[in-house]
């Protein structure tokens, strides 16, 4: 018996920036010629497509004809217009996956123009410039399982966010970015100050205590000790601002840290301890609802 022929989905890519080009190259390498749609491609995009043996379609009707899967990797500002253009032109069973950086509200608005199983919000959870099409993807919405089935055989790692709706994956990515972008700002500010003082080498040599703990343990330590030590840490941040503020390096991260400690003292009181109840609950289950309730009942000054 002749084995069944493996068939690949008919893929349309919206947008052809760095992510689009990376994905197109990966698909092309696996025998898939994606249709690339862009209403007004620039010469650089046309040249990049040519190098892959692809052309860029500017007519949406032709771009979506026969499409099984749309991967929207255009800028976030184009998410809703792209969805509105595609929705009436796609086959009834085609899946639209939005990998843009659009706000969750825009994604939910876009999803309302598709069937419940036909629109997926996808957050790119890493740097495509480093990992290419193997960069982890987090998908939300009822069509996420189908997207996983379509992309996993092609080497795109898709994790499905359970019991989710469009916008949830991107919301989680934005929350994660509070940490990663905050770390970015703090690390750069710290190193600039060290450079100004001629202490870059010694600073980098004295990071062993931070390197020895996984990030998850550091996060738990900060949550556990934040309230009891907010006063002492506030004083240290104020000293940093007073002592290091005249180096020609404007301080941005430290004033923000000072405001957070000041806010915590105003909400919880000086030296407040994390509640011990409910008994047997995790640190996060004891600390975070307590702090969130204080945030919501304490007016901003």
C-alpha atoms as a PDB file:
ATOM      1  CA  UNK A   1       0.000   0.000   0.000  1.00  0.00           C
ATOM      2  CA  UNK A   2       1.305   3.432  -0.895  1.00  0.00           C
ATOM      3  CA  UNK A   3       1.668   5.618   2.224  1.00  0.00           C
ATOM      4  CA  UNK A   4      -0.468   8.728   2.254  1.00  0.00           C
ATOM      5  CA  UNK A   5       1.209  11.871   0.973  1.00  0.00           C
ATOM      6  CA  UNK A   6       2.043  14.339   3.696  1.00  0.00           C
ATOM      7  CA  UNK A   7       0.337  17.636   3.009  1.00  0.00           C
ATOM      8  CA  UNK A   8       1.302  20.992   4.407  1.00  0.00           C
ATOM      9  CA  UNK A   9      -1.028  23.864   5.118  1.00  0.00           C
ATOM     10  CA  UNK A  10      -1.373  26.680   2.624  1.00  0.00           C
ATOM     11  CA  UNK A  11       0.131  29.573   4.602  1.00  0.00           C
ATOM     12  CA  UNK A  12      -0.259  33.297   4.075  1.00  0.00           C
ATOM     13  CA  UNK A  13       2.124  35.628   5.891  1.00  0.00           C
ATOM     14  CA  UNK A  14       1.031  39.191   6.551  1.00  0.00           C
ATOM     15  CA  UNK A  15       4.048  41.465   6.806  1.00  0.00           C
ATOM     16  CA  UNK A  16       7.627  40.842   5.808  1.00  0.00           C
ATOM     17  CA  UNK A  17       9.884  42.398   8.407  1.00  0.00           C
ATOM     18  CA  UNK A  18      12.499  40.439  10.336  1.00  0.00           C
ATOM     19  CA  UNK A  19       9.986  37.962  11.799  1.00  0.00           C
ATOM     20  CA  UNK A  20       8.178  37.471   8.505  1.00  0.00           C
ATOM     21  CA  UNK A  21      11.418  36.852   6.673  1.00  0.00           C
ATOM     22  CA  UNK A  22      12.607  34.363   9.293  1.00  0.00           C
ATOM     23  CA  UNK A  23       9.339  32.450   9.180  1.00  0.00           C
ATOM     24  CA  UNK A  24       9.198  32.513   5.385  1.00  0.00           C
ATOM     25  CA  UNK A  25      12.714  31.089   5.153  1.00  0.00           C
ATOM     26  CA  UNK A  26      11.842  28.310   7.615  1.00  0.00           C
ATOM     27  CA  UNK A  27       8.690  27.394   5.715  1.00  0.00           C
ATOM     28  CA  UNK A  28      10.497  27.521   2.389  1.00  0.00           C
ATOM     29  CA  UNK A  29      13.157  25.148   3.725  1.00  0.00           C
ATOM     30  CA  UNK A  30      10.409  22.619   4.482  1.00  0.00           C
ATOM     31  CA  UNK A  31       8.857  22.724   1.033  1.00  0.00           C
ATOM     32  CA  UNK A  32       6.191  25.346   1.731  1.00  0.00           C
ATOM     33  CA  UNK A  33       5.983  28.437  -0.440  1.00  0.00           C
ATOM     34  CA  UNK A  34       4.054  30.869   1.732  1.00  0.00           C
ATOM     35  CA  UNK A  35       2.086  33.657   0.148  1.00  0.00           C
ATOM     36  CA  UNK A  36       3.438  36.937   1.478  1.00  0.00           C
ATOM     37  CA  UNK A  37       0.885  39.732   1.662  1.00  0.00           C
ATOM     38  CA  UNK A  38       1.781  43.387   2.027  1.00  0.00           C
ATOM     39  CA  UNK A  39      -0.333  46.171   0.534  1.00  0.00           C
ATOM     40  CA  UNK A  40       2.666  48.457  -0.082  1.00  0.00           C
ATOM     41  CA  UNK A  41       5.988  46.595   0.150  1.00  0.00           C
ATOM     42  CA  UNK A  42       9.194  48.589   0.262  1.00  0.00           C
ATOM     43  CA  UNK A  43      12.148  47.787  -2.025  1.00  0.00           C
ATOM     44  CA  UNK A  44      14.067  46.097   0.789  1.00  0.00           C
ATOM     45  CA  UNK A  45      11.160  43.711   1.437  1.00  0.00           C
ATOM     46  CA  UNK A  46      10.799  42.955  -2.269  1.00  0.00           C
ATOM     47  CA  UNK A  47      14.498  42.194  -2.496  1.00  0.00           C
ATOM     48  CA  UNK A  48      14.377  39.931   0.573  1.00  0.00           C
ATOM     49  CA  UNK A  49      11.435  38.028  -0.883  1.00  0.00           C
ATOM     50  CA  UNK A  50      13.271  37.642  -4.168  1.00  0.00           C
ATOM     51  CA  UNK A  51      16.250  36.096  -2.423  1.00  0.00           C
ATOM     52  CA  UNK A  52      13.902  33.421  -1.057  1.00  0.00           C
ATOM     53  CA  UNK A  53      12.317  32.837  -4.431  1.00  0.00           C
ATOM     54  CA  UNK A  54       9.068  34.432  -3.283  1.00  0.00           C
ATOM     55  CA  UNK A  55       7.033  37.373  -4.464  1.00  0.00           C
ATOM     56  CA  UNK A  56       4.924  39.744  -2.393  1.00  0.00           C
ATOM     57  CA  UNK A  57       1.216  39.806  -3.153  1.00  0.00           C
ATOM     58  CA  UNK A  58      -0.425  43.214  -2.846  1.00  0.00           C
ATOM     59  CA  UNK A  59      -3.975  42.104  -3.654  1.00  0.00           C
ATOM     60  CA  UNK A  60      -5.737  40.685  -0.562  1.00  0.00           C
ATOM     61  CA  UNK A  61      -8.193  38.550  -2.533  1.00  0.00           C
ATOM     62  CA  UNK A  62      -5.334  36.708  -4.215  1.00  0.00           C
ATOM     63  CA  UNK A  63      -3.303  36.568  -1.011  1.00  0.00           C
ATOM     64  CA  UNK A  64      -6.037  34.753   0.918  1.00  0.00           C
ATOM     65  CA  UNK A  65      -7.368  32.527  -1.868  1.00  0.00           C
ATOM     66  CA  UNK A  66      -7.187  28.882  -0.761  1.00  0.00           C
ATOM     67  CA  UNK A  67      -5.450  29.804   2.494  1.00  0.00           C
ATOM     68  CA  UNK A  68      -5.533  27.345   5.422  1.00  0.00           C
ATOM     69  CA  UNK A  69      -3.535  29.427   7.887  1.00  0.00           C
ATOM     70  CA  UNK A  70      -2.749  33.121   8.189  1.00  0.00           C
ATOM     71  CA  UNK A  71       0.227  34.213  10.267  1.00  0.00           C
ATOM     72  CA  UNK A  72       0.003  37.944  10.897  1.00  0.00           C
ATOM     73  CA  UNK A  73       3.464  39.258  11.760  1.00  0.00           C
ATOM     74  CA  UNK A  74       2.787  42.860  10.748  1.00  0.00           C
ATOM     75  CA  UNK A  75       3.254  45.690  13.301  1.00  0.00           C
ATOM     76  CA  UNK A  76       0.712  45.772  16.112  1.00  0.00           C
ATOM     77  CA  UNK A  77      -0.910  48.929  14.781  1.00  0.00           C
ATOM     78  CA  UNK A  78      -1.980  46.914  11.741  1.00  0.00           C
ATOM     79  CA  UNK A  79      -3.547  43.995  13.626  1.00  0.00           C
ATOM     80  CA  UNK A  80      -7.141  45.167  13.519  1.00  0.00           C
ATOM     81  CA  UNK A  81      -7.046  46.460   9.905  1.00  0.00           C
ATOM     82  CA  UNK A  82      -5.375  43.235   8.771  1.00  0.00           C
ATOM     83  CA  UNK A  83      -8.033  41.122  10.449  1.00  0.00           C
ATOM     84  CA  UNK A  84     -10.869  43.205   9.036  1.00  0.00           C
ATOM     85  CA  UNK A  85      -9.439  42.831   5.535  1.00  0.00           C
ATOM     86  CA  UNK A  86      -8.870  39.091   5.835  1.00  0.00           C
ATOM     87  CA  UNK A  87     -12.076  37.998   7.577  1.00  0.00           C
ATOM     88  CA  UNK A  88     -14.483  38.234   4.602  1.00  0.00           C
ATOM     89  CA  UNK A  89     -11.951  36.807   2.151  1.00  0.00           C
ATOM     90  CA  UNK A  90     -10.895  33.632   3.983  1.00  0.00           C
ATOM     91  CA  UNK A  91     -12.463  30.229   3.616  1.00  0.00           C
ATOM     92  CA  UNK A  92     -14.926  29.320   6.343  1.00  0.00           C
ATOM     93  CA  UNK A  93     -12.428  26.966   8.017  1.00  0.00           C
ATOM     94  CA  UNK A  94      -9.242  29.031   7.649  1.00  0.00           C
ATOM     95  CA  UNK A  95      -7.376  29.903  10.840  1.00  0.00           C
ATOM     96  CA  UNK A  96      -6.114  33.433  11.507  1.00  0.00           C
ATOM     97  CA  UNK A  97      -3.204  33.654  13.974  1.00  0.00           C
ATOM     98  CA  UNK A  98      -2.106  37.090  15.121  1.00  0.00           C
ATOM     99  CA  UNK A  99       1.548  37.227  16.196  1.00  0.00           C
ATOM    100  CA  UNK A 100       1.759  41.010  16.165  1.00  0.00           C
ATOM    101  CA  UNK A 101       2.469  43.237  19.141  1.00  0.00           C
ATOM    102  CA  UNK A 102      -1.070  44.634  19.261  1.00  0.00           C
ATOM    103  CA  UNK A 103      -2.776  45.519  22.532  1.00  0.00           C
ATOM    104  CA  UNK A 104      -5.061  42.814  23.974  1.00  0.00           C
ATOM    105  CA  UNK A 105      -8.157  44.978  23.419  1.00  0.00           C
ATOM    106  CA  UNK A 106      -7.341  45.285  19.711  1.00  0.00           C
ATOM    107  CA  UNK A 107      -6.883  41.531  19.462  1.00  0.00           C
ATOM    108  CA  UNK A 108     -10.253  40.862  21.083  1.00  0.00           C
ATOM    109  CA  UNK A 109     -11.879  43.334  18.730  1.00  0.00           C
ATOM    110  CA  UNK A 110     -10.265  41.596  15.764  1.00  0.00           C
ATOM    111  CA  UNK A 111     -11.337  38.181  17.054  1.00  0.00           C
ATOM    112  CA  UNK A 112     -14.974  39.268  17.088  1.00  0.00           C
ATOM    113  CA  UNK A 113     -14.931  39.219  13.268  1.00  0.00           C
ATOM    114  CA  UNK A 114     -14.082  35.502  13.155  1.00  0.00           C
ATOM    115  CA  UNK A 115     -15.687  32.330  14.380  1.00  0.00           C
ATOM    116  CA  UNK A 116     -14.748  31.336  17.933  1.00  0.00           C
ATOM    117  CA  UNK A 117     -12.431  28.565  16.702  1.00  0.00           C
ATOM    118  CA  UNK A 118     -10.853  30.566  13.887  1.00  0.00           C
ATOM    119  CA  UNK A 119      -8.823  33.328  15.560  1.00  0.00           C
ATOM    120  CA  UNK A 120      -5.785  32.804  17.780  1.00  0.00           C
ATOM    121  CA  UNK A 121      -3.739  35.339  19.703  1.00  0.00           C
ATOM    122  CA  UNK A 122      -0.075  34.307  19.678  1.00  0.00           C
ATOM    123  CA  UNK A 123       2.652  35.865  21.822  1.00  0.00           C
ATOM    124  CA  UNK A 124       6.234  35.393  20.646  1.00  0.00           C
ATOM    125  CA  UNK A 125       8.038  34.552  23.887  1.00  0.00           C
ATOM    126  CA  UNK A 126      11.614  35.261  22.924  1.00  0.00           C
ATOM    127  CA  UNK A 127      13.895  36.744  20.287  1.00  0.00           C
ATOM    128  CA  UNK A 128      13.249  35.519  16.754  1.00  0.00           C
ATOM    129  CA  UNK A 129      16.544  37.151  15.788  1.00  0.00           C
ATOM    130  CA  UNK A 130      18.267  34.530  17.973  1.00  0.00           C
ATOM    131  CA  UNK A 131      16.071  31.431  17.777  1.00  0.00           C
ATOM    132  CA  UNK A 132      14.346  31.900  14.421  1.00  0.00           C
ATOM    133  CA  UNK A 133      11.141  29.945  13.905  1.00  0.00           C
ATOM    134  CA  UNK A 134      11.970  27.823  16.958  1.00  0.00           C
ATOM    135  CA  UNK A 135      11.280  30.760  19.264  1.00  0.00           C
ATOM    136  CA  UNK A 136       8.555  29.632  21.724  1.00  0.00           C
ATOM    137  CA  UNK A 137       5.006  30.746  20.955  1.00  0.00           C
ATOM    138  CA  UNK A 138       2.177  31.049  23.487  1.00  0.00           C
ATOM    139  CA  UNK A 139      -1.309  30.807  21.989  1.00  0.00           C
ATOM    140  CA  UNK A 140      -4.680  31.746  23.460  1.00  0.00           C
ATOM    141  CA  UNK A 141      -8.188  31.286  22.150  1.00  0.00           C
ATOM    142  CA  UNK A 142     -10.269  28.258  21.253  1.00  0.00           C
ATOM    143  CA  UNK A 143      -8.364  27.660  18.024  1.00  0.00           C
ATOM    144  CA  UNK A 144      -5.012  27.347  19.806  1.00  0.00           C
ATOM    145  CA  UNK A 145      -4.968  23.556  19.760  1.00  0.00           C
ATOM    146  CA  UNK A 146      -5.493  23.512  16.012  1.00  0.00           C
ATOM    147  CA  UNK A 147      -2.702  26.042  15.518  1.00  0.00           C
ATOM    148  CA  UNK A 148      -0.419  23.812  17.557  1.00  0.00           C
ATOM    149  CA  UNK A 149      -1.308  20.839  15.349  1.00  0.00           C
ATOM    150  CA  UNK A 150      -0.534  22.825  12.204  1.00  0.00           C
ATOM    151  CA  UNK A 151       2.734  24.389  13.326  1.00  0.00           C
ATOM    152  CA  UNK A 152       4.346  21.761  15.555  1.00  0.00           C
ATOM    153  CA  UNK A 153       5.250  19.448  12.619  1.00  0.00           C
ATOM    154  CA  UNK A 154       6.974  22.427  11.003  1.00  0.00           C
ATOM    155  CA  UNK A 155       9.200  23.055  14.033  1.00  0.00           C
ATOM    156  CA  UNK A 156       7.280  25.987  15.495  1.00  0.00           C
ATOM    157  CA  UNK A 157       6.930  25.306  19.250  1.00  0.00           C
ATOM    158  CA  UNK A 158       3.425  26.338  20.299  1.00  0.00           C
ATOM    159  CA  UNK A 159       2.246  26.207  23.916  1.00  0.00           C
ATOM    160  CA  UNK A 160      -1.502  26.471  24.447  1.00  0.00           C
ATOM    161  CA  UNK A 161      -2.747  28.673  27.283  1.00  0.00           C
ATOM    162  CA  UNK A 162      -5.612  26.660  28.806  1.00  0.00           C
ATOM    163  CA  UNK A 163      -9.124  28.117  29.183  1.00  0.00           C
ATOM    164  CA  UNK A 164      -8.095  31.297  27.423  1.00  0.00           C
ATOM    165  CA  UNK A 165      -9.495  33.845  25.020  1.00  0.00           C
ATOM    166  CA  UNK A 166      -7.749  35.983  22.403  1.00  0.00           C
ATOM    167  CA  UNK A 167      -5.689  38.656  24.120  1.00  0.00           C
ATOM    168  CA  UNK A 168      -4.727  36.490  27.091  1.00  0.00           C
ATOM    169  CA  UNK A 169      -1.411  35.325  25.629  1.00  0.00           C
ATOM    170  CA  UNK A 170      -0.396  38.860  24.774  1.00  0.00           C
ATOM    171  CA  UNK A 171      -1.504  40.069  28.226  1.00  0.00           C
ATOM    172  CA  UNK A 172       0.783  37.483  29.810  1.00  0.00           C
ATOM    173  CA  UNK A 173       3.650  38.592  27.585  1.00  0.00           C
ATOM    174  CA  UNK A 174       3.092  42.214  28.600  1.00  0.00           C
ATOM    175  CA  UNK A 175       3.148  41.276  32.285  1.00  0.00           C
ATOM    176  CA  UNK A 176       6.346  39.302  31.702  1.00  0.00           C
ATOM    177  CA  UNK A 177       7.775  42.380  29.994  1.00  0.00           C
ATOM    178  CA  UNK A 178       7.275  44.384  33.184  1.00  0.00           C
ATOM    179  CA  UNK A 179      10.052  42.193  34.569  1.00  0.00           C
ATOM    180  CA  UNK A 180      12.257  41.872  31.490  1.00  0.00           C
ATOM    181  CA  UNK A 181      12.064  45.496  30.349  1.00  0.00           C
ATOM    182  CA  UNK A 182      12.457  46.660  33.943  1.00  0.00           C
ATOM    183  CA  UNK A 183      15.564  44.479  34.268  1.00  0.00           C
ATOM    184  CA  UNK A 184      16.859  45.900  30.993  1.00  0.00           C
ATOM    185  CA  UNK A 185      16.572  49.458  32.327  1.00  0.00           C
ATOM    186  CA  UNK A 186      18.058  48.618  35.736  1.00  0.00           C
ATOM    187  CA  UNK A 187      21.008  46.659  34.315  1.00  0.00           C
ATOM    188  CA  UNK A 188      21.918  49.401  31.850  1.00  0.00           C
ATOM    189  CA  UNK A 189      21.634  52.115  34.518  1.00  0.00           C
ATOM    190  CA  UNK A 190      23.740  50.085  36.934  1.00  0.00           C
ATOM    191  CA  UNK A 191      26.480  49.455  34.374  1.00  0.00           C
ATOM    192  CA  UNK A 192      26.561  53.074  33.235  1.00  0.00           C
ATOM    193  CA  UNK A 193      27.101  54.175  36.837  1.00  0.00           C
ATOM    194  CA  UNK A 194      29.811  51.539  37.265  1.00  0.00           C
ATOM    195  CA  UNK A 195      31.467  52.724  34.061  1.00  0.00           C
ATOM    196  CA  UNK A 196      31.385  56.340  35.243  1.00  0.00           C
ATOM    197  CA  UNK A 197      33.070  55.319  38.513  1.00  0.00           C
ATOM    198  CA  UNK A 198      35.605  53.026  36.850  1.00  0.00           C
ATOM    199  CA  UNK A 199      34.083  50.033  38.658  1.00  0.00           C
ATOM    200  CA  UNK A 200      32.710  47.972  35.794  1.00  0.00           C
ATOM    201  CA  UNK A 201      35.213  45.133  36.199  1.00  0.00           C
ATOM    202  CA  UNK A 202      34.849  44.792  39.972  1.00  0.00           C
ATOM    203  CA  UNK A 203      31.055  44.984  39.671  1.00  0.00           C
ATOM    204  CA  UNK A 204      30.894  42.162  37.156  1.00  0.00           C
ATOM    205  CA  UNK A 205      33.265  40.120  39.307  1.00  0.00           C
ATOM    206  CA  UNK A 206      30.985  40.408  42.331  1.00  0.00           C
ATOM    207  CA  UNK A 207      27.771  38.934  40.956  1.00  0.00           C
ATOM    208  CA  UNK A 208      28.279  35.414  42.275  1.00  0.00           C
ATOM    209  CA  UNK A 209      25.483  35.701  44.840  1.00  0.00           C
ATOM    210  CA  UNK A 210      22.980  36.620  42.133  1.00  0.00           C
ATOM    211  CA  UNK A 211      24.289  34.003  39.715  1.00  0.00           C
ATOM    212  CA  UNK A 212      23.914  31.260  42.337  1.00  0.00           C
ATOM    213  CA  UNK A 213      20.118  31.493  42.575  1.00  0.00           C
ATOM    214  CA  UNK A 214      17.541  30.775  39.865  1.00  0.00           C
ATOM    215  CA  UNK A 215      15.428  33.753  38.908  1.00  0.00           C
ATOM    216  CA  UNK A 216      12.338  32.133  40.416  1.00  0.00           C
ATOM    217  CA  UNK A 217      14.084  31.972  43.812  1.00  0.00           C
ATOM    218  CA  UNK A 218      15.167  35.605  43.591  1.00  0.00           C
ATOM    219  CA  UNK A 219      11.605  36.661  42.771  1.00  0.00           C
ATOM    220  CA  UNK A 220      10.265  34.760  45.773  1.00  0.00           C
ATOM    221  CA  UNK A 221      12.930  36.300  48.008  1.00  0.00           C
ATOM    222  CA  UNK A 222      11.983  39.806  46.891  1.00  0.00           C
ATOM    223  CA  UNK A 223       8.292  39.161  47.557  1.00  0.00           C
ATOM    224  CA  UNK A 224       9.032  37.651  50.975  1.00  0.00           C
ATOM    225  CA  UNK A 225      11.312  40.481  52.117  1.00  0.00           C
ATOM    226  CA  UNK A 226       9.882  43.514  50.319  1.00  0.00           C
ATOM    227  CA  UNK A 227       7.444  44.685  52.992  1.00  0.00           C
ATOM    228  CA  UNK A 228       9.588  43.996  56.091  1.00  0.00           C
ATOM    229  CA  UNK A 229      12.637  45.704  54.584  1.00  0.00           C
ATOM    230  CA  UNK A 230      11.000  48.465  52.540  1.00  0.00           C
ATOM    231  CA  UNK A 231      12.184  51.154  54.976  1.00  0.00           C
ATOM    232  CA  UNK A 232      15.820  50.057  54.908  1.00  0.00           C
ATOM    233  CA  UNK A 233      15.775  49.656  51.144  1.00  0.00           C
ATOM    234  CA  UNK A 234      14.181  53.074  50.730  1.00  0.00           C
ATOM    235  CA  UNK A 235      17.036  54.622  52.711  1.00  0.00           C
ATOM    236  CA  UNK A 236      19.598  52.822  50.541  1.00  0.00           C
ATOM    237  CA  UNK A 237      17.943  53.997  47.325  1.00  0.00           C
ATOM    238  CA  UNK A 238      17.857  57.574  48.636  1.00  0.00           C
ATOM    239  CA  UNK A 239      21.577  57.295  49.404  1.00  0.00           C
ATOM    240  CA  UNK A 240      22.202  56.038  45.875  1.00  0.00           C
ATOM    241  CA  UNK A 241      20.389  59.029  44.420  1.00  0.00           C
ATOM    242  CA  UNK A 242      22.241  61.504  46.665  1.00  0.00           C
ATOM    243  CA  UNK A 243      25.664  59.960  46.146  1.00  0.00           C
ATOM    244  CA  UNK A 244      25.570  58.878  42.504  1.00  0.00           C
ATOM    245  CA  UNK A 245      23.364  61.564  41.033  1.00  0.00           C
ATOM    246  CA  UNK A 246      26.228  63.832  39.958  1.00  0.00           C
ATOM    247  CA  UNK A 247      28.124  61.498  37.640  1.00  0.00           C
ATOM    248  CA  UNK A 248      26.620  62.767  34.402  1.00  0.00           C
ATOM    249  CA  UNK A 249      24.386  59.674  34.246  1.00  0.00           C
ATOM    250  CA  UNK A 250      20.708  60.588  34.738  1.00  0.00           C
ATOM    251  CA  UNK A 251      19.012  58.187  37.137  1.00  0.00           C
ATOM    252  CA  UNK A 252      15.641  56.835  36.015  1.00  0.00           C
ATOM    253  CA  UNK A 253      15.365  53.357  37.520  1.00  0.00           C
ATOM    254  CA  UNK A 254      16.311  54.420  41.036  1.00  0.00           C
ATOM    255  CA  UNK A 255      13.620  57.124  41.390  1.00  0.00           C
ATOM    256  CA  UNK A 256      11.083  54.520  40.287  1.00  0.00           C
ATOM    257  CA  UNK A 257      12.400  52.090  42.914  1.00  0.00           C
ATOM    258  CA  UNK A 258      12.188  54.825  45.551  1.00  0.00           C
ATOM    259  CA  UNK A 259       8.545  55.447  44.678  1.00  0.00           C
ATOM    260  CA  UNK A 260       7.733  51.734  44.955  1.00  0.00           C
ATOM    261  CA  UNK A 261       9.277  51.488  48.437  1.00  0.00           C
ATOM    262  CA  UNK A 262       7.569  54.692  49.539  1.00  0.00           C
ATOM    263  CA  UNK A 263       4.267  53.337  48.289  1.00  0.00           C
ATOM    264  CA  UNK A 264       4.693  50.031  50.093  1.00  0.00           C
ATOM    265  CA  UNK A 265       5.448  51.797  53.398  1.00  0.00           C
ATOM    266  CA  UNK A 266       2.404  54.037  52.942  1.00  0.00           C
ATOM    267  CA  UNK A 267       0.178  51.019  52.202  1.00  0.00           C
ATOM    268  CA  UNK A 268       1.467  48.461  54.685  1.00  0.00           C
ATOM    269  CA  UNK A 269       3.342  50.409  57.307  1.00  0.00           C
ATOM    270  CA  UNK A 270       7.025  50.255  58.160  1.00  0.00           C
ATOM    271  CA  UNK A 271       8.388  46.786  58.863  1.00  0.00           C
ATOM    272  CA  UNK A 272       5.169  44.965  57.927  1.00  0.00           C
ATOM    273  CA  UNK A 273       5.470  41.185  57.781  1.00  0.00           C
ATOM    274  CA  UNK A 274       3.894  38.923  55.194  1.00  0.00           C
ATOM    275  CA  UNK A 275       0.749  37.325  56.676  1.00  0.00           C
ATOM    276  CA  UNK A 276       1.117  33.783  57.974  1.00  0.00           C
ATOM    277  CA  UNK A 277      -2.441  32.941  56.971  1.00  0.00           C
ATOM    278  CA  UNK A 278      -4.010  31.072  55.368  1.00  0.00           C
ATOM    279  CA  UNK A 279      -2.085  28.258  56.994  1.00  0.00           C
ATOM    280  CA  UNK A 280      -0.271  26.055  54.505  1.00  0.00           C
ATOM    281  CA  UNK A 281      -0.707  28.532  51.637  1.00  0.00           C
ATOM    282  CA  UNK A 282       2.225  29.344  49.386  1.00  0.00           C
ATOM    283  CA  UNK A 283       4.228  32.541  49.807  1.00  0.00           C
ATOM    284  CA  UNK A 284       2.590  34.068  46.762  1.00  0.00           C
ATOM    285  CA  UNK A 285      -0.908  33.084  47.938  1.00  0.00           C
ATOM    286  CA  UNK A 286      -0.233  34.811  51.270  1.00  0.00           C
ATOM    287  CA  UNK A 287       1.674  37.876  50.098  1.00  0.00           C
ATOM    288  CA  UNK A 288       0.247  38.974  46.771  1.00  0.00           C
ATOM    289  CA  UNK A 289      -3.501  39.176  47.590  1.00  0.00           C
ATOM    290  CA  UNK A 290      -2.562  41.063  50.794  1.00  0.00           C
ATOM    291  CA  UNK A 291      -0.445  43.570  48.872  1.00  0.00           C
ATOM    292  CA  UNK A 292      -2.967  43.921  46.041  1.00  0.00           C
ATOM    293  CA  UNK A 293      -5.793  44.642  48.503  1.00  0.00           C
ATOM    294  CA  UNK A 294      -3.624  47.336  50.109  1.00  0.00           C
ATOM    295  CA  UNK A 295      -2.906  48.848  46.684  1.00  0.00           C
ATOM    296  CA  UNK A 296      -6.596  49.083  45.880  1.00  0.00           C
ATOM    297  CA  UNK A 297      -7.651  50.678  49.161  1.00  0.00           C
ATOM    298  CA  UNK A 298      -4.791  53.182  49.435  1.00  0.00           C
ATOM    299  CA  UNK A 299      -5.269  56.350  47.380  1.00  0.00           C
ATOM    300  CA  UNK A 300      -2.329  57.825  45.532  1.00  0.00           C
ATOM    301  CA  UNK A 301      -1.021  60.969  47.170  1.00  0.00           C
END
